[in-house]
Structure formats: C-alpha cells, structure tokens
PDB file of N, CA and C in Angstrom:
ATOM      1  N   MET A   1      11.643   5.171  20.588  1.00  0.00           N
ATOM      2  CA  MET A   1      10.272   4.806  20.887  1.00  0.00           C
ATOM      3  C   MET A   1       9.299   5.876  20.396  1.00  0.00           C
ATOM      4  N   THR A   2       9.602   7.131  20.658  1.00  0.00           N
ATOM      5  CA  THR A   2       8.737   8.220  20.231  1.00  0.00           C
ATOM      6  C   THR A   2       8.721   8.342  18.716  1.00  0.00           C
ATOM      7  N   VAL A   3       9.866   8.125  18.103  1.00  0.00           N
ATOM      8  CA  VAL A   3       9.948   8.199  16.646  1.00  0.00           C
ATOM      9  C   VAL A   3       9.084   7.116  16.015  1.00  0.00           C
ATOM     10  N   ASN A   4       9.076   5.936  16.590  1.00  0.00           N
ATOM     11  CA  ASN A   4       8.236   4.848  16.073  1.00  0.00           C
ATOM     12  C   ASN A   4       6.759   5.222  16.127  1.00  0.00           C
ATOM     13  N   LEU A   5       6.334   5.830  17.215  1.00  0.00           N
ATOM     14  CA  LEU A   5       4.936   6.244  17.337  1.00  0.00           C
ATOM     15  C   LEU A   5       4.585   7.311  16.309  1.00  0.00           C
ATOM     16  N   ILE A   6       5.495   8.236  16.070  1.00  0.00           N
ATOM     17  CA  ILE A   6       5.256   9.263  15.061  1.00  0.00           C
ATOM     18  C   ILE A   6       5.152   8.649  13.679  1.00  0.00           C
ATOM     19  N   VAL A   7       6.030   7.703  13.374  1.00  0.00           N
ATOM     20  CA  VAL A   7       5.997   7.038  12.070  1.00  0.00           C
ATOM     21  C   VAL A   7       4.694   6.263  11.900  1.00  0.00           C
ATOM     22  N   PHE A   8       4.278   5.535  12.910  1.00  0.00           N
ATOM     23  CA  PHE A   8       3.025   4.783  12.818  1.00  0.00           C
ATOM     24  C   PHE A   8       1.827   5.713  12.668  1.00  0.00           C
ATOM     25  N   ALA A   9       1.858   6.860  13.328  1.00  0.00           N
ATOM     26  CA  ALA A   9       0.762   7.825  13.187  1.00  0.00           C
ATOM     27  C   ALA A   9       0.716   8.392  11.771  1.00  0.00           C
ATOM     28  N   LEU A  10       1.868   8.723  11.217  1.00  0.00           N
ATOM     29  CA  LEU A  10       1.903   9.252   9.854  1.00  0.00           C
ATOM     30  C   LEU A  10       1.491   8.200   8.836  1.00  0.00           C
ATOM     31  N   VAL A  11       1.879   6.959   9.069  1.00  0.00           N
ATOM     32  CA  VAL A  11       1.444   5.879   8.179  1.00  0.00           C
ATOM     33  C   VAL A  11      -0.062   5.701   8.270  1.00  0.00           C
ATOM     34  N   GLY A  12      -0.607   5.808   9.467  1.00  0.00           N
ATOM     35  CA  GLY A  12      -2.053   5.716   9.636  1.00  0.00           C
ATOM     36  C   GLY A  12      -2.791   6.818   8.893  1.00  0.00           C
ATOM     37  N   ILE A  13      -2.251   8.028   8.910  1.00  0.00           N
ATOM     38  CA  ILE A  13      -2.857   9.130   8.160  1.00  0.00           C
ATOM     39  C   ILE A  13      -2.788   8.850   6.663  1.00  0.00           C
ATOM     40  N   GLY A  14      -1.661   8.315   6.211  1.00  0.00           N
ATOM     41  CA  GLY A  14      -1.538   7.962   4.795  1.00  0.00           C
ATOM     42  C   GLY A  14      -2.521   6.883   4.384  1.00  0.00           C
ATOM     43  N   VAL A  15      -2.711   5.902   5.245  1.00  0.00           N
ATOM     44  CA  VAL A  15      -3.684   4.841   4.958  1.00  0.00           C
ATOM     45  C   VAL A  15      -5.093   5.424   4.912  1.00  0.00           C
ATOM     46  N   LEU A  16      -5.385   6.341   5.819  1.00  0.00           N
ATOM     47  CA  LEU A  16      -6.710   6.969   5.831  1.00  0.00           C
ATOM     48  C   LEU A  16      -6.977   7.710   4.525  1.00  0.00           C
ATOM     49  N   PHE A  17      -6.000   8.507   4.067  1.00  0.00           N
ATOM     50  CA  PHE A  17      -6.187   9.265   2.830  1.00  0.00           C
ATOM     51  C   PHE A  17      -6.302   8.355   1.612  1.00  0.00           C
ATOM     52  N   SER A  18      -5.527   7.289   1.578  1.00  0.00           N
ATOM     53  CA  SER A  18      -5.627   6.390   0.425  1.00  0.00           C
ATOM     54  C   SER A  18      -6.938   5.593   0.464  1.00  0.00           C
ATOM     55  N   LEU A  19      -7.437   5.276   1.644  1.00  0.00           N
ATOM     56  CA  LEU A  19      -8.747   4.621   1.738  1.00  0.00           C
ATOM     57  C   LEU A  19      -9.867   5.549   1.285  1.00  0.00           C
ATOM     58  N   ILE A  20      -9.744   6.836   1.613  1.00  0.00           N
ATOM     59  CA  ILE A  20     -10.741   7.794   1.129  1.00  0.00           C
ATOM     60  C   ILE A  20     -10.724   7.843  -0.385  1.00  0.00           C
ATOM     61  N   ARG A  21      -9.531   7.863  -0.992  1.00  0.00           N
ATOM     62  CA  ARG A  21      -9.426   7.869  -2.459  1.00  0.00           C
ATOM     63  C   ARG A  21      -9.954   6.563  -3.034  1.00  0.00           C
ATOM     64  N   LEU A  22      -9.706   5.470  -2.350  1.00  0.00           N
ATOM     65  CA  LEU A  22     -10.172   4.173  -2.836  1.00  0.00           C
ATOM     66  C   LEU A  22     -11.692   4.066  -2.784  1.00  0.00           C
ATOM     67  N   LEU A  23     -12.306   4.559  -1.732  1.00  0.00           N
ATOM     68  CA  LEU A  23     -13.753   4.416  -1.570  1.00  0.00           C
ATOM     69  C   LEU A  23     -14.554   5.479  -2.302  1.00  0.00           C
ATOM     70  N   PHE A  24     -14.048   6.710  -2.327  1.00  0.00           N
ATOM     71  CA  PHE A  24     -14.833   7.817  -2.870  1.00  0.00           C
ATOM     72  C   PHE A  24     -14.192   8.464  -4.095  1.00  0.00           C
ATOM     73  N   GLY A  25     -13.339   7.718  -4.799  1.00  0.00           N
ATOM     74  CA  GLY A  25     -12.695   8.280  -5.976  1.00  0.00           C
ATOM     75  C   GLY A  25     -13.710   8.664  -7.031  1.00  0.00           C
ATOM     76  N   PRO A  26     -13.491   9.795  -7.710  1.00  0.00           N
ATOM     77  CA  PRO A  26     -14.469  10.208  -8.721  1.00  0.00           C
ATOM     78  C   PRO A  26     -14.545   9.249  -9.908  1.00  0.00           C
ATOM     79  N   SER A  27     -13.455   8.578 -10.213  1.00  0.00           N
ATOM     80  CA  SER A  27     -13.477   7.632 -11.332  1.00  0.00           C
ATOM     81  C   SER A  27     -12.856   6.306 -10.879  1.00  0.00           C
ATOM     82  N   VAL A  28     -12.996   5.333 -11.739  1.00  0.00           N
ATOM     83  CA  VAL A  28     -12.433   4.013 -11.426  1.00  0.00           C
ATOM     84  C   VAL A  28     -10.904   4.075 -11.417  1.00  0.00           C
ATOM     85  N   PHE A  29     -10.344   4.918 -12.267  1.00  0.00           N
ATOM     86  CA  PHE A  29      -8.893   5.033 -12.319  1.00  0.00           C
ATOM     87  C   PHE A  29      -8.333   5.630 -11.030  1.00  0.00           C
ATOM     88  N   ASP A  30      -9.059   6.581 -10.447  1.00  0.00           N
ATOM     89  CA  ASP A  30      -8.646   7.127  -9.153  1.00  0.00           C
ATOM     90  C   ASP A  30      -8.701   6.063  -8.066  1.00  0.00           C
ATOM     91  N   ARG A  31      -9.654   5.176  -8.156  1.00  0.00           N
ATOM     92  CA  ARG A  31      -9.748   4.091  -7.172  1.00  0.00           C
ATOM     93  C   ARG A  31      -8.587   3.113  -7.315  1.00  0.00           C
ATOM     94  N   VAL A  32      -8.164   2.862  -8.543  1.00  0.00           N
ATOM     95  CA  VAL A  32      -7.003   1.983  -8.749  1.00  0.00           C
ATOM     96  C   VAL A  32      -5.740   2.646  -8.212  1.00  0.00           C
ATOM     97  N   VAL A  33      -5.617   3.954  -8.409  1.00  0.00           N
ATOM     98  CA  VAL A  33      -4.469   4.675  -7.857  1.00  0.00           C
ATOM     99  C   VAL A  33      -4.498   4.635  -6.329  1.00  0.00           C
ATOM    100  N   GLY A  34      -5.677   4.782  -5.744  1.00  0.00           N
ATOM    101  CA  GLY A  34      -5.801   4.681  -4.290  1.00  0.00           C
ATOM    102  C   GLY A  34      -5.411   3.301  -3.776  1.00  0.00           C
ATOM    103  N   LEU A  35      -5.803   2.267  -4.513  1.00  0.00           N
ATOM    104  CA  LEU A  35      -5.432   0.901  -4.126  1.00  0.00           C
ATOM    105  C   LEU A  35      -3.929   0.690  -4.244  1.00  0.00           C
ATOM    106  N   ASP A  36      -3.334   1.207  -5.290  1.00  0.00           N
ATOM    107  CA  ASP A  36      -1.884   1.075  -5.464  1.00  0.00           C
ATOM    108  C   ASP A  36      -1.140   1.827  -4.370  1.00  0.00           C
ATOM    109  N   THR A  37      -1.613   3.012  -4.024  1.00  0.00           N
ATOM    110  CA  THR A  37      -0.987   3.776  -2.942  1.00  0.00           C
ATOM    111  C   THR A  37      -1.112   3.042  -1.618  1.00  0.00           C
ATOM    112  N   LEU A  38      -2.271   2.464  -1.370  1.00  0.00           N
ATOM    113  CA  LEU A  38      -2.460   1.693  -0.147  1.00  0.00           C
ATOM    114  C   LEU A  38      -1.507   0.493  -0.105  1.00  0.00           C
ATOM    115  N   ASN A  39      -1.318  -0.170  -1.229  1.00  0.00           N
ATOM    116  CA  ASN A  39      -0.398  -1.310  -1.272  1.00  0.00           C
ATOM    117  C   ASN A  39       1.038  -0.885  -1.009  1.00  0.00           C
ATOM    118  N   VAL A  40       1.440   0.254  -1.536  1.00  0.00           N
ATOM    119  CA  VAL A  40       2.805   0.746  -1.289  1.00  0.00           C
ATOM    120  C   VAL A  40       2.983   1.085   0.187  1.00  0.00           C
ATOM    121  N   ILE A  41       1.974   1.704   0.787  1.00  0.00           N
ATOM    122  CA  ILE A  41       2.065   2.054   2.202  1.00  0.00           C
ATOM    123  C   ILE A  41       2.130   0.798   3.065  1.00  0.00           C
ATOM    124  N   VAL A  42       1.336  -0.210   2.741  1.00  0.00           N
ATOM    125  CA  VAL A  42       1.358  -1.450   3.522  1.00  0.00           C
ATOM    126  C   VAL A  42       2.709  -2.159   3.370  1.00  0.00           C
ATOM    127  N   THR A  43       3.262  -2.137   2.166  1.00  0.00           N
ATOM    128  CA  THR A  43       4.585  -2.740   1.956  1.00  0.00           C
ATOM    129  C   THR A  43       5.647  -2.030   2.791  1.00  0.00           C
ATOM    130  N   ALA A  44       5.602  -0.706   2.805  1.00  0.00           N
ATOM    131  CA  ALA A  44       6.554   0.049   3.625  1.00  0.00           C
ATOM    132  C   ALA A  44       6.333  -0.189   5.105  1.00  0.00           C
ATOM    133  N   LEU A  45       5.086  -0.344   5.501  1.00  0.00           N
ATOM    134  CA  LEU A  45       4.781  -0.622   6.907  1.00  0.00           C
ATOM    135  C   LEU A  45       5.335  -1.980   7.331  1.00  0.00           C
ATOM    136  N   ILE A  46       5.226  -2.967   6.478  1.00  0.00           N
ATOM    137  CA  ILE A  46       5.785  -4.288   6.793  1.00  0.00           C
ATOM    138  C   ILE A  46       7.306  -4.204   6.909  1.00  0.00           C
ATOM    139  N   ALA A  47       7.928  -3.427   6.015  1.00  0.00           N
ATOM    140  CA  ALA A  47       9.384  -3.256   6.102  1.00  0.00           C
ATOM    141  C   ALA A  47       9.773  -2.514   7.386  1.00  0.00           C
ATOM    142  N   PHE A  48       8.967  -1.541   7.794  1.00  0.00           N
ATOM    143  CA  PHE A  48       9.236  -0.834   9.050  1.00  0.00           C
ATOM    144  C   PHE A  48       9.062  -1.765  10.250  1.00  0.00           C
ATOM    145  N   LEU A  49       8.096  -2.669  10.172  1.00  0.00           N
ATOM    146  CA  LEU A  49       7.935  -3.647  11.250  1.00  0.00           C
ATOM    147  C   LEU A  49       9.151  -4.568  11.347  1.00  0.00           C
ATOM    148  N   ALA A  50       9.772  -4.860  10.211  1.00  0.00           N
ATOM    149  CA  ALA A  50      11.004  -5.651  10.239  1.00  0.00           C
ATOM    150  C   ALA A  50      12.086  -4.923  11.016  1.00  0.00           C
ATOM    151  N   TYR A  51      12.138  -3.604  10.857  1.00  0.00           N
ATOM    152  CA  TYR A  51      13.114  -2.816  11.610  1.00  0.00           C
ATOM    153  C   TYR A  51      12.769  -2.783  13.101  1.00  0.00           C
ATOM    154  N   VAL A  52      11.501  -2.599  13.415  1.00  0.00           N
ATOM    155  CA  VAL A  52      11.085  -2.477  14.820  1.00  0.00           C
ATOM    156  C   VAL A  52      11.303  -3.784  15.570  1.00  0.00           C
ATOM    157  N   PHE A  53      10.924  -4.902  14.963  1.00  0.00           N
ATOM    158  CA  PHE A  53      11.033  -6.194  15.632  1.00  0.00           C
ATOM    159  C   PHE A  53      12.374  -6.882  15.411  1.00  0.00           C
ATOM    160  N   LYS A  54      13.246  -6.285  14.609  1.00  0.00           N
ATOM    161  CA  LYS A  54      14.585  -6.838  14.311  1.00  0.00           C
ATOM    162  C   LYS A  54      14.485  -8.275  13.779  1.00  0.00           C
ATOM    163  N   ASN A  55      13.535  -8.459  12.835  1.00  0.00           N
ATOM    164  CA  ASN A  55      13.297  -9.775  12.264  1.00  0.00           C
ATOM    165  C   ASN A  55      13.271  -9.632  10.741  1.00  0.00           C
ATOM    166  N   SER A  56      14.202 -10.281  10.085  1.00  0.00           N
ATOM    167  CA  SER A  56      14.313 -10.122   8.632  1.00  0.00           C
ATOM    168  C   SER A  56      13.258 -10.918   7.860  1.00  0.00           C
ATOM    169  N   LEU A  57      12.508 -11.759   8.527  1.00  0.00           N
ATOM    170  CA  LEU A  57      11.442 -12.495   7.852  1.00  0.00           C
ATOM    171  C   LEU A  57      10.385 -11.541   7.305  1.00  0.00           C
ATOM    172  N   TYR A  58      10.167 -10.428   8.007  1.00  0.00           N
ATOM    173  CA  TYR A  58       9.205  -9.439   7.541  1.00  0.00           C
ATOM    174  C   TYR A  58       9.624  -8.828   6.204  1.00  0.00           C
ATOM    175  N   LEU A  59      10.909  -8.736   5.958  1.00  0.00           N
ATOM    176  CA  LEU A  59      11.373  -8.206   4.674  1.00  0.00           C
ATOM    177  C   LEU A  59      11.004  -9.139   3.528  1.00  0.00           C
ATOM    178  N   ASP A  60      11.089 -10.436   3.755  1.00  0.00           N
ATOM    179  CA  ASP A  60      10.659 -11.390   2.737  1.00  0.00           C
ATOM    180  C   ASP A  60       9.163 -11.275   2.480  1.00  0.00           C
ATOM    181  N   ILE A  61       8.404 -11.086   3.543  1.00  0.00           N
ATOM    182  CA  ILE A  61       6.960 -10.921   3.403  1.00  0.00           C
ATOM    183  C   ILE A  61       6.651  -9.633   2.646  1.00  0.00           C
ATOM    184  N   ALA A  62       7.377  -8.555   2.957  1.00  0.00           N
ATOM    185  CA  ALA A  62       7.162  -7.282   2.268  1.00  0.00           C
ATOM    186  C   ALA A  62       7.500  -7.403   0.784  1.00  0.00           C
ATOM    187  N   LEU A  63       8.535  -8.130   0.469  1.00  0.00           N
ATOM    188  CA  LEU A  63       8.915  -8.326  -0.932  1.00  0.00           C
ATOM    189  C   LEU A  63       7.846  -9.109  -1.682  1.00  0.00           C
ATOM    190  N   ALA A  64       7.361 -10.176  -1.094  1.00  0.00           N
ATOM    191  CA  ALA A  64       6.307 -10.962  -1.744  1.00  0.00           C
ATOM    192  C   ALA A  64       5.025 -10.145  -1.881  1.00  0.00           C
ATOM    193  N   TYR A  65       4.668  -9.392  -0.852  1.00  0.00           N
ATOM    194  CA  TYR A  65       3.474  -8.564  -0.917  1.00  0.00           C
ATOM    195  C   TYR A  65       3.624  -7.479  -1.984  1.00  0.00           C
ATOM    196  N   GLY A  66       4.797  -6.883  -2.085  1.00  0.00           N
ATOM    197  CA  GLY A  66       5.041  -5.860  -3.093  1.00  0.00           C
ATOM    198  C   GLY A  66       4.914  -6.399  -4.507  1.00  0.00           C
ATOM    199  N   ILE A  67       5.436  -7.589  -4.742  1.00  0.00           N
ATOM    200  CA  ILE A  67       5.336  -8.193  -6.075  1.00  0.00           C
ATOM    201  C   ILE A  67       3.880  -8.510  -6.404  1.00  0.00           C
ATOM    202  N   LEU A  68       3.163  -9.090  -5.448  1.00  0.00           N
ATOM    203  CA  LEU A  68       1.758  -9.408  -5.692  1.00  0.00           C
ATOM    204  C   LEU A  68       0.904  -8.158  -5.886  1.00  0.00           C
ATOM    205  N   SER A  69       1.191  -7.107  -5.157  1.00  0.00           N
ATOM    206  CA  SER A  69       0.406  -5.880  -5.321  1.00  0.00           C
ATOM    207  C   SER A  69       0.712  -5.215  -6.660  1.00  0.00           C
ATOM    208  N   PHE A  70       1.952  -5.323  -7.132  1.00  0.00           N
ATOM    209  CA  PHE A  70       2.282  -4.792  -8.456  1.00  0.00           C
ATOM    210  C   PHE A  70       1.517  -5.545  -9.543  1.00  0.00           C
ATOM    211  N   VAL A  71       1.491  -6.861  -9.436  1.00  0.00           N
ATOM    212  CA  VAL A  71       0.753  -7.664 -10.411  1.00  0.00           C
ATOM    213  C   VAL A  71      -0.735  -7.320 -10.360  1.00  0.00           C
ATOM    214  N   GLU A  72      -1.263  -7.123  -9.160  1.00  0.00           N
ATOM    215  CA  GLU A  72      -2.666  -6.753  -9.008  1.00  0.00           C
ATOM    216  C   GLU A  72      -2.972  -5.431  -9.710  1.00  0.00           C
ATOM    217  N   THR A  73      -2.095  -4.450  -9.549  1.00  0.00           N
ATOM    218  CA  THR A  73      -2.306  -3.150 -10.185  1.00  0.00           C
ATOM    219  C   THR A  73      -2.240  -3.262 -11.698  1.00  0.00           C
ATOM    220  N   VAL A  74      -1.309  -4.046 -12.205  1.00  0.00           N
ATOM    221  CA  VAL A  74      -1.200  -4.232 -13.654  1.00  0.00           C
ATOM    222  C   VAL A  74      -2.441  -4.924 -14.204  1.00  0.00           C
ATOM    223  N   VAL A  75      -2.947  -5.919 -13.486  1.00  0.00           N
ATOM    224  CA  VAL A  75      -4.146  -6.628 -13.940  1.00  0.00           C
ATOM    225  C   VAL A  75      -5.349  -5.689 -13.967  1.00  0.00           C
ATOM    226  N   PHE A  76      -5.521  -4.876 -12.925  1.00  0.00           N
ATOM    227  CA  PHE A  76      -6.629  -3.917 -12.919  1.00  0.00           C
ATOM    228  C   PHE A  76      -6.490  -2.901 -14.040  1.00  0.00           C
ATOM    229  N   ALA A  77      -5.277  -2.423 -14.276  1.00  0.00           N
ATOM    230  CA  ALA A  77      -5.075  -1.432 -15.342  1.00  0.00           C
ATOM    231  C   ALA A  77      -5.368  -2.048 -16.718  1.00  0.00           C
ATOM    232  N   ARG A  78      -4.935  -3.265 -16.944  1.00  0.00           N
ATOM    233  CA  ARG A  78      -5.224  -3.940 -18.220  1.00  0.00           C
ATOM    234  C   ARG A  78      -6.725  -4.163 -18.392  1.00  0.00           C
ATOM    235  N   PHE A  79      -7.393  -4.526 -17.312  1.00  0.00           N
ATOM    236  CA  PHE A  79      -8.829  -4.745 -17.374  1.00  0.00           C
ATOM    237  C   PHE A  79      -9.563  -3.445 -17.728  1.00  0.00           C
ATOM    238  N   LEU A  80      -9.167  -2.362 -17.076  1.00  0.00           N
ATOM    239  CA  LEU A  80      -9.818  -1.087 -17.354  1.00  0.00           C
ATOM    240  C   LEU A  80      -9.458  -0.550 -18.733  1.00  0.00           C
ATOM    241  N   GLU A  81      -8.265  -0.855 -19.195  1.00  0.00           N
ATOM    242  CA  GLU A  81      -7.854  -0.429 -20.529  1.00  0.00           C
ATOM    243  C   GLU A  81      -8.678  -1.126 -21.600  1.00  0.00           C
ATOM    244  N   GLY A  82      -8.953  -2.401 -21.407  1.00  0.00           N
ATOM    245  CA  GLY A  82      -9.760  -3.152 -22.359  1.00  0.00           C
ATOM    246  C   GLY A  82     -11.226  -2.802 -22.284  1.00  0.00           C
ATOM    247  N   LYS A  83     -11.656  -2.237 -21.162  1.00  0.00           N
ATOM    248  CA  LYS A  83     -13.058  -1.908 -20.971  1.00  0.00           C
ATOM    249  C   LYS A  83     -13.475  -0.666 -21.756  1.00  0.00           C
ATOM    250  N   GLN A  84     -12.510   0.185 -22.064  1.00  0.00           N
ATOM    251  CA  GLN A  84     -12.824   1.435 -22.767  1.00  0.00           C
ATOM    252  C   GLN A  84     -12.932   1.239 -24.255  1.00  0.00           C
TER     253      GLN A  84
END
C-alpha cells in the first residue's frame, strides 16, 4: 500500500515536470518532447493501474494508448519537419 502511494507520487511529479516542459518549452520541439514524455508516463500509469486493480483490461488500454501516442508524436514531428 505504501509503495503504491510512493509510485503515484513520483508519477505525479513526472507529470508535473513534463507539463512544465509542454507549456513553457523554449521551442516547439521541446514541447513535442514534453508531450511524448507525458504520453509515456500516462501509458506506464495505466499499466500500473492494471497491476493495482488486478485487471488485465487496463493493459489492452495501455497498449492502444501507447500506439496512438506514438503515431501522434510521429505526425507532429513530420509536421514540424516540413515546416522548416
């Protein structure tokens, strides 16, 4: 129980730092990196929830979210690459 609270607190700190990078990044590329980091943290959080609730459906959701977030990052990177 205590370990779960520590993990959730550390994940919350990671989300806070990636949101700061996403909102106040010096360049657009830093903001895309912040968004990608946030997506990875959310995917890991969903997988951790699967462990906490002992429900494997969350793993399927984490997999789908991970694939969609990867595609999102690639689309943003291609868009910014063409913009230069």
